[in-house]
Amino acid sequence: MTSISVSPSAPARSTDRLNRLANSLQPHWLLLRIVLFGLYVMTPFFAPVVMYLGALVPANLIYTFCSTQCHQLPERSYFLFGERLTYALAEITAVHPGTTALILRQFIGTPQMGWKVA
């Protein structure tokens, strides 16, 4: 009599892989959470750095992602790589015309003023 070996199905193999991954990460759950939370918290600070380096597309993606989490009003934001860390509303409207919050949110900075932290 011959025995027929049945290989595990693809979903079963996937489940086994996920279980092994979860078991290997379990001792490091706190470190993993700290790293992921740190990346989430630092993401708004990456936008001005990336803008300063000249990568407009990744910076705009960060600004767009962060706009769902924060008001991004420039008069209440920090500016990196510029003359000062903060600017008054009058100084911002002199460079970027617009007085409504929706228009002001779109202002991300200039090379002279620096780039807004998202």
C-alpha atoms as a PDB file:
ATOM      1  CA  MET A   1       0.000   0.000   0.000  1.00  0.00           C
ATOM      2  CA  THR A   2       1.379   3.393  -0.938  1.00  0.00           C
ATOM      3  CA  SER A   3       0.906   6.402   1.213  1.00  0.00           C
ATOM      4  CA  ILE A   4      -0.089   9.686  -0.290  1.00  0.00           C
ATOM      5  CA  SER A   5       1.599  12.716   1.179  1.00  0.00           C
ATOM      6  CA  VAL A   6      -0.504  15.782   1.235  1.00  0.00           C
ATOM      7  CA  SER A   7       1.307  19.066   1.299  1.00  0.00           C
ATOM      8  CA  PRO A   8      -0.205  21.853   3.353  1.00  0.00           C
ATOM      9  CA  SER A   9      -2.326  24.287   1.448  1.00  0.00           C
ATOM     10  CA  ALA A  10      -1.098  27.802   0.690  1.00  0.00           C
ATOM     11  CA  PRO A  11      -3.262  29.441   3.411  1.00  0.00           C
ATOM     12  CA  ALA A  12      -1.916  26.984   5.999  1.00  0.00           C
ATOM     13  CA  ARG A  13       1.677  27.764   5.007  1.00  0.00           C
ATOM     14  CA  SER A  14       0.889  31.493   5.234  1.00  0.00           C
ATOM     15  CA  THR A  15      -0.578  31.060   8.695  1.00  0.00           C
ATOM     16  CA  ASP A  16       2.482  29.100   9.811  1.00  0.00           C
ATOM     17  CA  ARG A  17       4.792  31.857   8.553  1.00  0.00           C
ATOM     18  CA  LEU A  18       2.754  34.544  10.297  1.00  0.00           C
ATOM     19  CA  ASN A  19       2.762  32.559  13.536  1.00  0.00           C
ATOM     20  CA  ARG A  20       6.541  32.144  13.379  1.00  0.00           C
ATOM     21  CA  LEU A  21       6.956  35.877  12.688  1.00  0.00           C
ATOM     22  CA  ALA A  22       4.664  36.816  15.578  1.00  0.00           C
ATOM     23  CA  ASN A  23       6.505  34.457  17.923  1.00  0.00           C
ATOM     24  CA  SER A  24       9.887  35.894  16.952  1.00  0.00           C
ATOM     25  CA  LEU A  25       8.687  39.499  17.474  1.00  0.00           C
ATOM     26  CA  GLN A  26       6.908  38.823  20.765  1.00  0.00           C
ATOM     27  CA  PRO A  27       9.959  39.327  23.021  1.00  0.00           C
ATOM     28  CA  HIS A  28      10.632  42.670  21.310  1.00  0.00           C
ATOM     29  CA  TRP A  29       7.092  44.102  21.250  1.00  0.00           C
ATOM     30  CA  LEU A  30       7.956  47.153  23.361  1.00  0.00           C
ATOM     31  CA  LEU A  31      10.978  48.084  21.256  1.00  0.00           C
ATOM     32  CA  LEU A  32       8.938  47.638  18.086  1.00  0.00           C
ATOM     33  CA  ARG A  33       6.170  49.902  19.431  1.00  0.00           C
ATOM     34  CA  ILE A  34       8.672  52.555  20.504  1.00  0.00           C
ATOM     35  CA  VAL A  35      10.347  52.560  17.084  1.00  0.00           C
ATOM     36  CA  LEU A  36       7.042  52.731  15.179  1.00  0.00           C
ATOM     37  CA  PHE A  37       5.665  55.461  17.448  1.00  0.00           C
ATOM     38  CA  GLY A  38       8.946  57.379  17.168  1.00  0.00           C
ATOM     39  CA  LEU A  39       8.746  57.288  13.371  1.00  0.00           C
ATOM     40  CA  TYR A  40       5.142  58.503  13.518  1.00  0.00           C
ATOM     41  CA  VAL A  41       6.059  61.379  15.843  1.00  0.00           C
ATOM     42  CA  MET A  42       9.153  62.376  13.840  1.00  0.00           C
ATOM     43  CA  THR A  43       7.458  62.280  10.411  1.00  0.00           C
ATOM     44  CA  PRO A  44       6.402  65.972  10.543  1.00  0.00           C
ATOM     45  CA  PHE A  45      10.053  66.923  11.123  1.00  0.00           C
ATOM     46  CA  PHE A  46      11.167  64.922   8.087  1.00  0.00           C
ATOM     47  CA  ALA A  47       9.170  67.179   5.727  1.00  0.00           C
ATOM     48  CA  PRO A  48      11.319  70.320   6.115  1.00  0.00           C
ATOM     49  CA  VAL A  49      14.494  68.238   6.003  1.00  0.00           C
ATOM     50  CA  VAL A  50      13.419  66.600   2.749  1.00  0.00           C
ATOM     51  CA  MET A  51      12.333  69.995   1.355  1.00  0.00           C
ATOM     52  CA  TYR A  52      15.727  71.458   2.258  1.00  0.00           C
ATOM     53  CA  LEU A  53      17.396  68.596   0.398  1.00  0.00           C
ATOM     54  CA  GLY A  54      15.294  69.416  -2.679  1.00  0.00           C
ATOM     55  CA  ALA A  55      13.098  66.318  -2.841  1.00  0.00           C
ATOM     56  CA  LEU A  56       9.735  67.988  -3.448  1.00  0.00           C
ATOM     57  CA  VAL A  57       7.592  64.911  -4.122  1.00  0.00           C
ATOM     58  CA  PRO A  58       8.406  63.029  -0.888  1.00  0.00           C
ATOM     59  CA  ALA A  59       8.073  66.260   1.104  1.00  0.00           C
ATOM     60  CA  ASN A  60       4.661  66.990  -0.390  1.00  0.00           C
ATOM     61  CA  LEU A  61       3.573  63.428   0.414  1.00  0.00           C
ATOM     62  CA  ILE A  62       4.570  63.972   4.039  1.00  0.00           C
ATOM     63  CA  TYR A  63       2.741  67.319   4.169  1.00  0.00           C
ATOM     64  CA  THR A  64      -0.362  65.694   2.662  1.00  0.00           C
ATOM     65  CA  PHE A  65      -0.260  62.766   5.105  1.00  0.00           C
ATOM     66  CA  CYS A  66       0.266  65.056   8.096  1.00  0.00           C
ATOM     67  CA  SER A  67      -2.513  67.431   7.021  1.00  0.00           C
ATOM     68  CA  THR A  68      -5.015  64.813   8.167  1.00  0.00           C
ATOM     69  CA  GLN A  69      -3.487  64.894  11.649  1.00  0.00           C
ATOM     70  CA  CYS A  70      -2.735  68.589  12.195  1.00  0.00           C
ATOM     71  CA  HIS A  71      -4.016  72.051  11.246  1.00  0.00           C
ATOM     72  CA  GLN A  72      -0.629  73.071   9.741  1.00  0.00           C
ATOM     73  CA  LEU A  73      -1.318  76.792  10.127  1.00  0.00           C
ATOM     74  CA  PRO A  74       2.014  78.499   9.426  1.00  0.00           C
ATOM     75  CA  GLU A  75       1.641  81.128  12.161  1.00  0.00           C
ATOM     76  CA  ARG A  76       1.421  78.243  14.672  1.00  0.00           C
ATOM     77  CA  SER A  77       4.167  76.111  13.146  1.00  0.00           C
ATOM     78  CA  TYR A  78       7.919  75.903  13.455  1.00  0.00           C
ATOM     79  CA  PHE A  79      10.127  76.621  10.452  1.00  0.00           C
ATOM     80  CA  LEU A  80      13.456  74.842   9.994  1.00  0.00           C
ATOM     81  CA  PHE A  81      16.444  75.957   7.896  1.00  0.00           C
ATOM     82  CA  GLY A  82      15.365  79.615   7.809  1.00  0.00           C
ATOM     83  CA  GLU A  83      16.098  82.914   9.484  1.00  0.00           C
ATOM     84  CA  ARG A  84      13.805  82.249  12.457  1.00  0.00           C
ATOM     85  CA  LEU A  85      11.935  79.420  14.113  1.00  0.00           C
ATOM     86  CA  THR A  86       8.491  81.096  14.057  1.00  0.00           C
ATOM     87  CA  TYR A  87       6.806  83.888  12.108  1.00  0.00           C
ATOM     88  CA  ALA A  88       3.848  86.156  12.794  1.00  0.00           C
ATOM     89  CA  LEU A  89       0.772  86.044  10.578  1.00  0.00           C
ATOM     90  CA  ALA A  90       1.615  89.463   9.091  1.00  0.00           C
ATOM     91  CA  GLU A  91       5.042  88.220   7.987  1.00  0.00           C
ATOM     92  CA  ILE A  92       3.539  85.138   6.379  1.00  0.00           C
ATOM     93  CA  THR A  93       0.778  87.021   4.525  1.00  0.00           C
ATOM     94  CA  ALA A  94       3.433  89.396   3.146  1.00  0.00           C
ATOM     95  CA  VAL A  95       5.013  86.410   1.393  1.00  0.00           C
ATOM     96  CA  HIS A  96       1.929  84.257   0.783  1.00  0.00           C
ATOM     97  CA  PRO A  97      -1.254  86.214   0.159  1.00  0.00           C
ATOM     98  CA  GLY A  98      -4.341  84.767   1.749  1.00  0.00           C
ATOM     99  CA  THR A  99      -6.127  85.176   5.018  1.00  0.00           C
ATOM    100  CA  THR A 100      -8.339  82.122   5.220  1.00  0.00           C
ATOM    101  CA  ALA A 101      -7.105  79.077   7.107  1.00  0.00           C
ATOM    102  CA  LEU A 102      -7.515  76.856   4.039  1.00  0.00           C
ATOM    103  CA  ILE A 103      -5.208  79.025   1.953  1.00  0.00           C
ATOM    104  CA  LEU A 104      -2.706  79.549   4.779  1.00  0.00           C
ATOM    105  CA  ARG A 105      -2.412  75.790   5.346  1.00  0.00           C
ATOM    106  CA  GLN A 106      -0.994  75.442   1.837  1.00  0.00           C
ATOM    107  CA  PHE A 107       2.003  77.642   2.644  1.00  0.00           C
ATOM    108  CA  ILE A 108       4.968  75.390   3.424  1.00  0.00           C
ATOM    109  CA  GLY A 109       7.703  78.005   3.415  1.00  0.00           C
ATOM    110  CA  THR A 110      10.393  79.565   1.285  1.00  0.00           C
ATOM    111  CA  PRO A 111      14.165  79.068   1.120  1.00  0.00           C
ATOM    112  CA  GLN A 112      14.616  82.366   3.017  1.00  0.00           C
ATOM    113  CA  MET A 113      11.990  81.705   5.727  1.00  0.00           C
ATOM    114  CA  GLY A 114      12.688  77.993   5.981  1.00  0.00           C
ATOM    115  CA  TRP A 115      10.329  75.067   5.651  1.00  0.00           C
ATOM    116  CA  LYS A 116       7.330  74.447   7.873  1.00  0.00           C
ATOM    117  CA  VAL A 117       7.252  71.451  10.182  1.00  0.00           C
ATOM    118  CA  ALA A 118       4.251  69.476   9.033  1.00  0.00           C
END
